Protein backbone atom coordinates (compact mmCIF):
# COMPACT_ATOMS: atom_id res chain seq x y z
CA MET A 1 95.48 58.43 103.29
CA THR A 2 92.75 57.79 105.82
CA GLU A 3 90.72 60.81 106.91
CA LEU A 4 88.25 60.69 109.79
CA SER A 5 86.16 63.32 111.55
CA VAL A 6 86.03 63.17 115.33
CA ARG A 7 82.26 63.60 114.98
CA ASP A 8 82.14 60.16 113.39
CA CYS A 9 83.50 58.76 116.64
CA GLY A 10 80.94 60.53 118.80
CA ALA A 11 82.49 63.93 119.57
CA VAL A 12 79.81 66.56 120.23
CA GLY A 13 81.64 69.90 120.36
CA ASP A 14 79.06 71.75 122.44
CA GLY A 15 81.53 73.13 125.00
CA THR A 16 80.05 71.07 127.83
CA THR A 17 80.26 67.41 126.84
CA LYS A 18 83.62 65.80 127.52
CA ASP A 19 84.94 64.73 124.13
CA THR A 20 88.30 63.27 125.15
CA ALA A 21 87.37 59.64 124.51
CA ALA A 22 85.80 60.33 121.12
CA ILE A 23 88.79 62.32 119.86
CA GLN A 24 91.21 59.69 121.16
CA ALA A 25 89.19 56.98 119.45
CA ALA A 26 89.46 58.82 116.13
CA ILE A 27 93.23 59.20 116.52
CA ASP A 28 93.68 55.53 117.42
CA GLN A 29 91.47 54.34 114.57
CA VAL A 30 93.40 56.31 111.94
CA ALA A 31 96.72 55.20 113.44
CA ALA A 32 95.61 51.56 113.26
CA ALA A 33 94.88 52.06 109.55
CA GLY A 34 98.47 53.20 108.96
CA GLY A 35 98.07 56.91 109.58
CA GLY A 36 96.28 59.87 108.09
CA ARG A 37 94.27 62.93 109.06
CA VAL A 38 91.96 63.33 112.03
CA VAL A 39 89.65 66.31 111.47
CA VAL A 40 88.14 68.41 114.26
CA PRO A 41 85.22 70.36 112.72
CA ALA A 42 84.03 73.72 114.03
CA GLY A 43 82.77 73.55 117.60
CA ARG A 44 84.06 73.77 121.17
CA TYR A 45 85.34 70.44 122.49
CA ARG A 46 86.04 70.02 126.18
CA ILE A 47 88.91 67.60 126.61
CA GLY A 48 91.44 66.19 129.02
CA THR A 49 94.69 64.59 127.87
CA ILE A 50 94.80 63.26 124.31
CA HIS A 51 97.72 61.20 122.99
CA LEU A 52 99.01 61.62 119.45
CA ARG A 53 100.22 58.62 117.44
CA ASP A 54 102.71 57.92 114.64
CA HIS A 55 101.82 59.24 111.17
CA ILE A 56 98.88 61.31 112.43
CA GLU A 57 97.87 64.81 111.38
CA LEU A 58 95.44 66.31 113.86
CA HIS A 59 93.68 68.99 111.81
CA LEU A 60 91.70 71.70 113.61
CA ALA A 61 89.27 73.24 111.16
CA HIS A 62 88.48 76.94 111.30
CA GLY A 63 86.15 77.62 114.23
CA SER A 64 87.18 74.55 116.21
CA VAL A 65 88.43 74.85 119.79
CA LEU A 66 89.96 72.15 121.98
CA CYS A 67 89.42 73.51 125.49
CA GLY A 68 91.08 72.09 128.60
CA SER A 69 88.85 70.43 131.16
CA PRO A 70 88.90 71.92 134.67
CA ASP A 71 88.82 68.42 136.21
CA ARG A 72 92.03 66.74 137.41
CA ASP A 73 90.75 63.24 136.64
CA ASP A 74 90.59 64.09 132.92
CA TYR A 75 94.38 64.41 132.62
CA ASN A 76 97.26 61.93 132.53
CA PRO A 77 98.80 60.87 135.87
CA ASP A 78 101.95 62.59 137.06
CA ASP A 79 104.03 59.40 136.81
CA HIS A 80 103.38 58.80 133.11
CA LEU A 81 107.01 59.49 132.12
CA TYR A 82 110.29 59.56 134.06
CA ALA A 83 111.46 62.65 132.14
CA ASP A 84 108.37 64.65 133.08
CA GLN A 85 107.91 65.30 136.78
CA PRO A 86 105.73 67.67 138.83
CA LEU A 87 107.29 70.85 140.16
CA PRO A 88 105.65 71.63 143.50
CA ALA A 89 107.53 74.93 143.87
CA GLU A 90 105.52 76.25 140.91
CA SER A 91 102.28 74.39 141.79
CA VAL A 92 102.53 72.53 138.52
CA SER A 93 101.85 68.88 137.76
CA ALA A 94 103.10 66.64 134.96
CA ALA A 95 99.70 66.64 133.23
CA HIS A 96 99.21 67.95 129.69
CA LEU A 97 96.44 68.61 127.23
CA VAL A 98 98.19 67.11 124.17
CA ILE A 99 100.99 64.53 124.48
CA GLY A 100 103.26 62.84 121.97
CA ILE A 101 105.95 60.39 123.14
CA GLY A 102 108.46 58.67 120.87
CA LEU A 103 106.55 59.44 117.69
CA ASN A 104 107.59 59.77 114.06
CA ASP A 105 105.78 61.90 111.49
CA VAL A 106 103.26 63.81 113.59
CA ALA A 107 101.49 67.09 112.86
CA ILE A 108 98.91 69.46 114.31
CA THR A 109 97.53 71.82 111.67
CA GLY A 110 94.66 74.11 110.83
CA THR A 111 93.40 77.52 111.91
CA GLY A 112 91.54 76.20 114.94
CA THR A 113 92.46 76.84 118.57
CA ILE A 114 93.85 74.92 121.52
CA ASP A 115 92.79 76.70 124.72
CA GLY A 116 94.33 75.72 128.05
CA ASN A 117 91.44 77.23 130.03
CA ALA A 118 93.79 78.97 132.46
CA ASP A 119 90.95 80.75 134.24
CA ALA A 120 89.88 77.40 135.70
CA PHE A 121 93.21 77.06 137.52
CA MET A 122 94.04 80.61 138.60
CA GLU A 123 92.22 83.79 139.41
CA PRO A 124 90.73 85.70 136.46
CA THR A 125 92.99 87.98 134.46
CA ARG A 126 93.41 91.46 135.89
CA GLN A 127 92.25 94.34 133.78
CA GLY A 128 94.81 96.73 132.35
CA PRO A 129 96.49 97.91 129.14
CA GLU A 130 97.65 94.73 127.46
CA ILE A 131 100.58 96.26 125.59
CA GLU A 132 102.07 97.99 128.61
CA ALA A 133 101.56 94.86 130.69
CA HIS A 134 103.89 92.97 128.38
CA ARG A 135 106.52 95.70 128.54
CA ILE A 136 106.62 96.37 132.28
CA GLY A 137 105.14 93.22 133.78
CA ARG A 138 102.72 93.20 136.66
CA PRO A 139 101.90 90.93 139.61
CA LYS A 140 101.28 87.35 138.49
CA ARG A 141 97.94 85.64 138.91
CA GLN A 142 97.29 83.67 142.07
CA LEU A 143 97.54 79.93 141.49
CA SER A 144 95.36 77.16 142.84
CA ASP A 145 97.00 74.12 144.46
CA TRP A 146 97.14 72.27 141.15
CA ARG A 147 97.42 73.12 137.48
CA PRO A 148 98.29 71.24 134.31
CA ALA A 149 101.83 71.63 133.02
CA GLN A 150 102.87 72.36 129.43
CA MET A 151 99.79 72.51 127.21
CA ILE A 152 101.43 70.60 124.33
CA PHE A 153 104.26 68.22 125.27
CA LEU A 154 106.25 66.31 122.63
CA PHE A 155 109.06 64.04 123.84
CA GLN A 156 111.56 62.18 121.63
CA CYS A 157 109.54 62.82 118.48
CA SER A 158 110.90 63.27 114.96
CA ASN A 159 109.50 64.86 111.82
CA VAL A 160 107.16 67.17 113.72
CA SER A 161 105.05 69.94 112.21
CA LEU A 162 102.71 72.47 113.81
CA ARG A 163 101.13 74.97 111.42
CA ASP A 164 98.70 77.90 111.59
CA LEU A 165 97.23 77.10 115.01
CA ARG A 166 95.96 79.43 117.72
CA LEU A 167 97.35 78.43 121.12
CA GLU A 168 95.80 80.37 123.99
CA ASN A 169 95.42 80.67 127.75
CA THR A 170 97.97 78.10 128.77
CA THR A 171 98.23 77.10 132.43
CA TYR A 172 102.06 76.84 132.18
CA TRP A 173 104.40 76.69 129.15
CA THR A 174 102.46 76.59 125.90
CA LEU A 175 104.49 74.37 123.58
CA TYR A 176 107.29 72.13 124.88
CA LEU A 177 109.52 70.01 122.64
CA PHE A 178 111.99 67.86 124.56
CA ASP A 179 114.61 65.73 122.78
CA CYS A 180 112.91 66.11 119.41
CA GLU A 181 114.45 66.46 115.95
CA VAL A 182 113.46 67.75 112.54
CA VAL A 183 110.76 70.14 113.70
CA SER A 184 108.85 72.80 111.76
CA LEU A 185 106.73 75.38 113.61
CA SER A 186 105.07 77.96 111.38
CA GLY A 187 102.23 80.44 111.43
CA LEU A 188 101.44 79.91 115.12
CA ARG A 189 99.54 82.55 117.11
CA ILE A 190 100.31 82.11 120.81
CA THR A 191 98.43 84.41 123.18
CA ASN A 192 98.71 84.28 126.96
CA PRO A 193 97.89 87.11 129.37
CA ALA A 194 101.00 88.95 130.57
CA ASP A 195 100.29 87.96 134.17
CA THR A 196 100.26 84.20 133.49
CA PRO A 197 102.83 82.58 135.83
CA ASN A 198 105.45 80.65 133.79
CA GLY A 199 103.38 81.27 130.66
CA ASP A 200 106.19 80.64 128.12
CA GLY A 201 105.53 80.59 124.41
CA ILE A 202 107.77 77.92 122.83
CA ASP A 203 110.40 75.90 124.73
CA ILE A 204 112.88 73.92 122.62
CA VAL A 205 114.84 71.67 124.98
CA SER A 206 117.70 69.34 124.00
CA SER A 207 116.32 69.26 120.46
CA ARG A 208 117.89 69.47 117.03
CA ARG A 209 117.12 70.81 113.56
CA VAL A 210 114.24 73.11 114.38
CA THR A 211 112.74 75.90 112.28
CA ILE A 212 110.34 78.51 113.66
CA SER A 213 108.78 80.99 111.25
CA ASP A 214 105.94 83.49 110.89
CA CYS A 215 104.80 83.18 114.50
CA ILE A 216 103.22 85.90 116.66
CA ILE A 217 103.76 85.24 120.36
CA ARG A 218 102.38 87.27 123.26
CA SER A 219 103.35 85.37 126.37
CA GLY A 220 103.27 85.66 130.14
CA ASP A 221 106.91 84.54 130.38
CA ASP A 222 109.73 84.03 127.88
CA CYS A 223 108.57 83.86 124.25
CA LEU A 224 111.24 81.56 122.80
CA VAL A 225 113.49 79.39 124.96
CA PHE A 226 116.38 77.30 123.63
CA ARG A 227 118.06 75.22 126.31
CA THR A 228 119.19 71.80 127.46
CA ARG A 229 118.06 69.57 130.28
CA ASN A 230 120.01 66.88 132.07
CA THR A 231 118.16 63.55 132.51
CA LYS A 232 118.98 59.88 132.93
CA LEU A 233 119.40 59.55 129.16
CA HIS A 234 121.11 62.91 128.64
CA HIS A 235 124.19 63.43 130.79
CA ASP A 236 125.68 65.91 128.32
CA PRO A 237 122.67 67.19 126.36
CA VAL A 238 122.81 69.40 123.27
CA CYS A 239 120.28 71.78 121.74
CA GLU A 240 121.42 72.79 118.28
CA ASP A 241 120.71 73.87 114.70
CA ILE A 242 117.77 76.20 115.22
CA ALA A 243 116.57 78.87 112.79
CA VAL A 244 113.95 81.50 113.67
CA THR A 245 112.60 84.04 111.17
CA ASN A 246 109.70 86.44 110.58
CA CYS A 247 108.34 86.39 114.13
CA ILE A 248 106.83 89.03 116.44
CA LEU A 249 107.44 88.60 120.18
CA SER A 250 106.01 90.37 123.25
CA THR A 251 106.58 89.41 126.89
CA PRO A 252 107.13 90.84 130.38
CA THR A 253 110.37 88.83 130.52
CA ALA A 254 112.69 87.72 127.65
CA GLY A 255 111.86 87.61 123.97
CA ILE A 256 114.62 85.06 123.39
CA ARG A 257 116.23 83.09 126.22
CA ILE A 258 119.27 80.86 125.78
CA ALA A 259 121.04 78.32 128.00
CA VAL A 260 119.54 76.74 131.11
CA SER A 261 120.81 73.59 132.86
CA GLN A 262 123.84 71.46 132.06
CA GLY A 263 124.67 71.04 128.38
CA MET A 264 125.41 73.02 125.22
CA THR A 265 123.05 75.21 123.15
CA ARG A 266 124.63 76.12 119.82
CA ARG A 267 124.02 77.24 116.27
CA VAL A 268 120.92 79.36 116.85
CA THR A 269 120.01 82.11 114.36
CA VAL A 270 117.19 84.64 114.66
CA SER A 271 116.45 86.88 111.69
CA ASN A 272 113.88 89.43 110.50
CA THR A 273 112.12 89.38 113.85
CA VAL A 274 110.46 92.04 116.03
CA ILE A 275 110.69 92.02 119.84
CA SER A 276 108.41 94.70 121.24
CA HIS A 277 106.90 95.50 124.61
CA ALA A 278 109.34 93.23 126.40
CA ARG A 279 111.67 93.49 129.39
CA THR A 280 114.71 91.84 127.73
CA GLY A 281 115.39 91.24 124.05
CA LEU A 282 118.06 88.50 124.26
CA LEU A 283 118.77 86.78 127.59
CA VAL A 284 121.68 84.36 128.04
CA VAL A 285 122.48 82.97 131.50
CA ALA A 286 124.83 80.05 132.14
CA LYS A 287 124.27 79.44 135.86
CA TYR A 288 121.22 80.59 137.84
CA GLY A 289 122.04 79.40 141.36
CA THR A 290 124.80 78.09 143.56
CA THR A 291 123.58 74.48 143.27
CA ALA A 292 122.25 74.57 139.71
CA PRO A 293 124.31 73.02 136.91
CA ALA A 294 125.94 75.40 134.46
CA ALA A 295 125.00 75.59 130.80
CA SER A 296 127.11 76.58 127.81
CA CYS A 297 126.26 78.28 124.54
CA GLU A 298 127.99 79.31 121.34
CA GLN A 299 127.18 80.53 117.84
CA ILE A 300 124.10 82.53 118.82
CA HIS A 301 123.35 85.07 116.10
CA LEU A 302 120.66 87.74 115.70
CA ALA A 303 120.39 89.52 112.35
CA GLY A 304 117.86 92.12 111.27
CA VAL A 305 116.09 92.08 114.64
CA THR A 306 114.09 95.13 115.70
CA MET A 307 113.68 95.70 119.45
CA ASP A 308 111.56 98.11 121.47
CA VAL A 309 112.33 96.87 124.98
CA ALA A 310 113.59 97.87 128.40
CA ILE A 311 116.87 95.88 128.20
CA PRO A 312 118.08 94.88 124.74
CA LEU A 313 120.75 92.40 125.78
CA SER A 314 121.69 90.48 128.93
CA VAL A 315 124.51 87.97 128.51
CA VAL A 316 125.54 86.72 131.93
CA VAL A 317 127.63 83.80 133.16
CA GLY A 318 125.91 84.22 136.53
CA TYR A 319 127.13 82.34 139.58
CA PRO A 320 130.67 81.00 139.15
CA PRO A 321 130.26 77.61 137.41
CA ASP A 322 131.81 74.53 138.97
CA THR A 323 131.77 72.60 135.66
CA PRO A 324 133.45 73.45 132.31
CA THR A 325 131.38 76.25 130.78
CA VAL A 326 131.64 78.62 127.81
CA VAL A 327 129.57 81.59 126.70
CA ARG A 328 130.96 82.65 123.33
CA ASP A 329 130.39 83.58 119.69
CA ILE A 330 127.30 85.78 120.11
CA SER A 331 126.41 88.48 117.61
CA LEU A 332 123.83 91.16 116.83
CA ARG A 333 124.08 92.38 113.25
CA GLY A 334 121.92 94.86 111.38
CA CYS A 335 119.63 95.41 114.37
CA ASP A 336 117.51 98.41 115.32
CA ILE A 337 117.25 98.90 119.07
CA VAL A 338 115.10 101.18 121.21
CA ALA A 339 115.75 100.67 124.93
CA SER A 340 115.12 102.40 128.25
CA ALA A 341 117.73 100.58 130.36
CA ALA A 342 121.28 99.31 130.05
CA ALA A 343 122.37 96.21 128.19
CA GLN A 344 124.77 94.07 130.22
CA VAL A 345 127.47 91.58 129.28
CA VAL A 346 128.94 90.02 132.43
CA GLY A 347 131.34 87.12 132.66
CA THR A 348 133.49 85.96 135.55
CA GLU A 349 137.25 86.14 135.99
CA ALA A 350 137.56 82.44 135.11
CA ILE A 351 134.91 82.45 132.37
CA PRO A 352 134.70 85.72 130.43
CA VAL A 353 132.00 86.27 127.84
CA ASP A 354 134.06 85.49 124.76
CA ARG A 355 133.72 86.86 121.22
CA LEU A 356 130.64 89.05 121.32
CA THR A 357 130.02 91.27 118.28
CA ILE A 358 127.53 94.10 117.72
CA SER A 359 127.65 95.57 114.21
CA ASP A 360 125.67 97.72 111.79
CA THR A 361 123.22 98.59 114.53
CA THR A 362 121.29 101.72 115.45
CA TRP A 363 120.71 102.00 119.19
CA ARG A 364 118.46 104.60 120.80
CA VAL A 365 118.11 105.03 124.54
CA VAL A 366 114.76 106.63 125.32
CA GLY A 367 113.80 107.73 128.83
CA GLY A 368 114.72 105.47 131.74
CA SER A 369 115.50 105.77 135.43
CA ASP A 370 116.90 108.83 137.23
CA ASN A 371 118.39 106.77 140.07
CA ARG A 372 122.20 107.19 140.14
CA GLU A 373 122.85 104.71 142.95
CA TRP A 374 125.18 102.59 140.79
CA TRP A 375 127.31 105.38 139.34
CA ASP A 376 130.18 104.66 141.73
CA GLN A 377 129.64 101.01 142.57
CA ALA A 378 127.64 98.68 140.33
CA PRO A 379 126.47 95.29 141.63
CA GLU A 380 129.41 92.90 141.96
CA LEU A 381 127.34 89.74 141.44
CA ILE A 382 124.61 89.74 138.84
CA SER A 383 122.01 87.60 140.59
CA GLY A 384 118.33 87.32 141.33
CA SER A 385 116.29 89.65 139.15
CA GLY A 386 119.53 91.00 137.73
CA PHE A 387 119.97 87.97 135.49
CA GLY A 388 117.54 89.49 133.04
CA GLY A 389 119.04 92.94 133.45
CA TYR A 390 118.11 95.94 135.54
CA PRO A 391 115.14 97.76 133.96
CA GLY A 392 115.17 100.68 136.41
CA ARG A 393 111.43 100.64 136.90
CA ASP A 394 109.65 102.61 139.61
CA GLY A 395 112.72 104.67 140.42
CA ALA A 396 115.08 101.70 140.84
CA PRO A 397 118.70 102.04 139.62
CA THR A 398 119.97 100.76 136.31
CA LEU A 399 123.53 100.23 135.13
CA PRO A 400 124.98 103.63 134.13
CA ALA A 401 125.76 103.03 130.44
CA ALA A 402 123.92 102.03 127.30
CA LEU A 403 126.17 98.94 127.21
CA TRP A 404 127.80 97.88 130.50
CA THR A 405 130.36 95.06 130.48
CA ARG A 406 132.55 93.17 132.93
CA HIS A 407 134.93 90.27 132.21
CA THR A 408 134.73 90.12 128.42
CA ARG A 409 137.23 88.94 125.82
CA ASP A 410 137.31 89.88 122.15
CA LEU A 411 134.42 92.35 122.29
CA VAL A 412 133.79 93.96 118.88
CA LEU A 413 131.60 96.97 118.12
CA SER A 414 131.48 97.92 114.46
CA ARG A 415 129.34 100.66 112.90
CA VAL A 416 127.18 101.09 115.99
CA ARG A 417 125.29 104.38 116.25
CA LEU A 418 124.16 105.27 119.76
CA ARG A 419 121.58 108.02 120.25
CA TRP A 420 120.04 109.47 123.43
CA GLU A 421 116.45 110.76 123.55
CA ASP A 422 115.57 112.46 126.83
CA PRO A 423 117.51 109.77 128.75
CA GLY A 424 117.10 109.18 132.46
CA ARG A 425 119.75 110.66 134.75
CA ALA A 426 120.89 107.17 135.76
CA PHE A 427 122.91 107.02 132.54
CA ARG A 428 126.45 108.39 132.40
CA ASP A 429 128.45 106.69 129.64
CA GLY A 430 127.98 105.25 126.20
CA LEU A 431 130.05 102.09 126.69
CA HIS A 432 131.42 100.89 130.04
CA LEU A 433 134.28 98.38 129.90
CA ALA A 434 135.31 96.66 133.12
CA LYS A 435 138.10 94.07 133.10
CA ALA A 436 137.97 93.64 129.35
CA GLU A 437 140.55 91.83 127.26
CA ARG A 438 140.91 92.80 123.60
CA VAL A 439 138.30 95.32 122.52
CA THR A 440 137.72 96.51 118.96
CA VAL A 441 135.63 99.62 118.29
CA ARG A 442 135.36 100.32 114.58
CA ASP A 443 133.53 103.23 112.93
CA CYS A 444 131.18 103.77 115.90
CA ASP A 445 129.44 106.78 117.39
CA LEU A 446 129.10 106.08 121.12
CA ALA A 447 128.45 109.52 122.57
CA ALA A 448 127.68 109.94 126.27
CA PRO A 449 124.20 111.17 127.22
CA GLY A 450 125.50 114.70 127.79
CA TRP A 451 126.49 115.13 131.44
CA GLU A 452 129.74 114.16 133.16
CA GLY A 453 130.15 110.91 131.25
CA GLU A 454 132.43 109.41 128.63
CA SER A 455 131.74 107.89 125.25
CA ILE A 456 133.74 104.90 126.47
CA ARG A 457 134.76 104.39 130.09
CA TRP A 458 137.40 101.84 130.98
CA GLU A 459 137.60 100.29 134.45
CA ASP A 460 140.88 98.47 135.05
CA SER A 461 141.44 95.32 137.07
CA ALA A 462 141.80 97.37 140.25
CA GLY A 463 138.42 98.96 139.67
CA SER A 464 139.62 102.51 138.96
CA ALA A 465 137.82 104.41 136.23
CA GLY A 466 139.71 105.57 133.16
CA SER A 467 138.97 108.04 130.42
CA GLY A 468 137.12 107.26 127.24
CA ARG A 469 139.76 108.83 125.00
CA GLN A 470 141.39 106.66 122.38
CA HIS A 471 144.98 107.26 123.49
CA ASP A 472 144.17 106.24 127.07
CA LEU A 473 142.38 103.07 126.06
CA ALA A 474 144.79 101.87 123.41
CA ASP A 475 147.37 101.06 126.07
CA ARG A 476 144.82 98.77 127.72
CA GLY A 477 144.31 96.57 124.66
CA ALA A 478 141.54 98.42 122.82
CA THR A 479 141.73 98.79 119.04
CA PHE A 480 140.09 101.73 117.31
CA GLN A 481 139.58 102.68 113.69
CA GLN A 482 138.52 105.89 112.01
CA GLY A 483 135.01 107.06 112.80
CA MET A 484 134.69 106.43 116.53
CA GLY A 485 132.84 109.12 118.47
CA SER A 486 135.08 111.09 120.80
């Protein structure tokens, strides 16, 4: 295997000299020899766009930093690829720091750092408690007229590995894999300020057979995104067979986000993972706008996930889809939840959220809003900021139950223990069921917070509220077994 240091091709690493050409020369030379390792020794290397090649391992030694150039001319042009276009609404280009297109057997390894140099493209980071910023969010940084897009962009690549890297200060999404397969991401440390606009951690789009393990992600937007994207080559795209384990996630938005754009996301498992200081633990939305295509998802499973968040769960069909859509087979098993606002599961009359299970889970509601505006009439259409849930910040209302549902089918709660710790007065009930078809509650303790409410409140198709008592609900299709809280 050929091994070559970028210093041997003229890279300086002094933080000022532009080393793009030297690093690209090293990559191309090793690729021409049949592949091997390109080593970046300790030092700070200012670069624009570099292109990976087949059978290349780009190895960043400890103490090495690839830092994004502030100059537009150092990056690839916006028209480099039909599947990668600028997005003027977000002041983002189609330029990237590291690009791989149509490659096989490619890796970026080592304990060095790739730094997007975000401060060159937006105002400096505001000061403030970092942990709380990720939990509650704060105003986003002001953008310049232009910024690079995803820091690392891999398109139609196979046999991909990224290990042990530090990825920091992205100008947009950090790591973007589009239409890739057989991917291993492990030991990554992704750190973006909480006020970074669109500062996602890892976006897996229309890709297959992906493992993500032992990563710590502190992002300015969603930490992990699994979704599809419709393009000229992908009229019915699929994102599937994804396993996530042993990760720690913090974000002012969603720890895990599923389903965006036309296509199916399926067979996603997340295990032994911590989501802390976040707005939403798991976010699933099929349709974001009246003109947007609708996505589908199924077989989405979280097991052994610990959450300390505002909203633990938001599973929403969204705007009524005009294409065939399903949101089904979603489960949380063996989870430990601390939340300050309601979880929501909201389908539509035509497309209910189907087969959602929560089992063997401890759920504590701590604090929260005192605003009771939605006690009598909750929002009819979950839209806008409500897609991610209603966190009830700054005195705003939140949905009046620990778990609030509308238009569900085959909802199962088994061995769920709900506890209230000084809850906000916005809460009323343990579980709210609106227009639900087939509900199973097995060996659960779903006590109300302690004033006026019900353990389980049923709202029938006419919108009238029913009691939470077993004998009232059984006639409406609910099944109960011994051990349910009264």
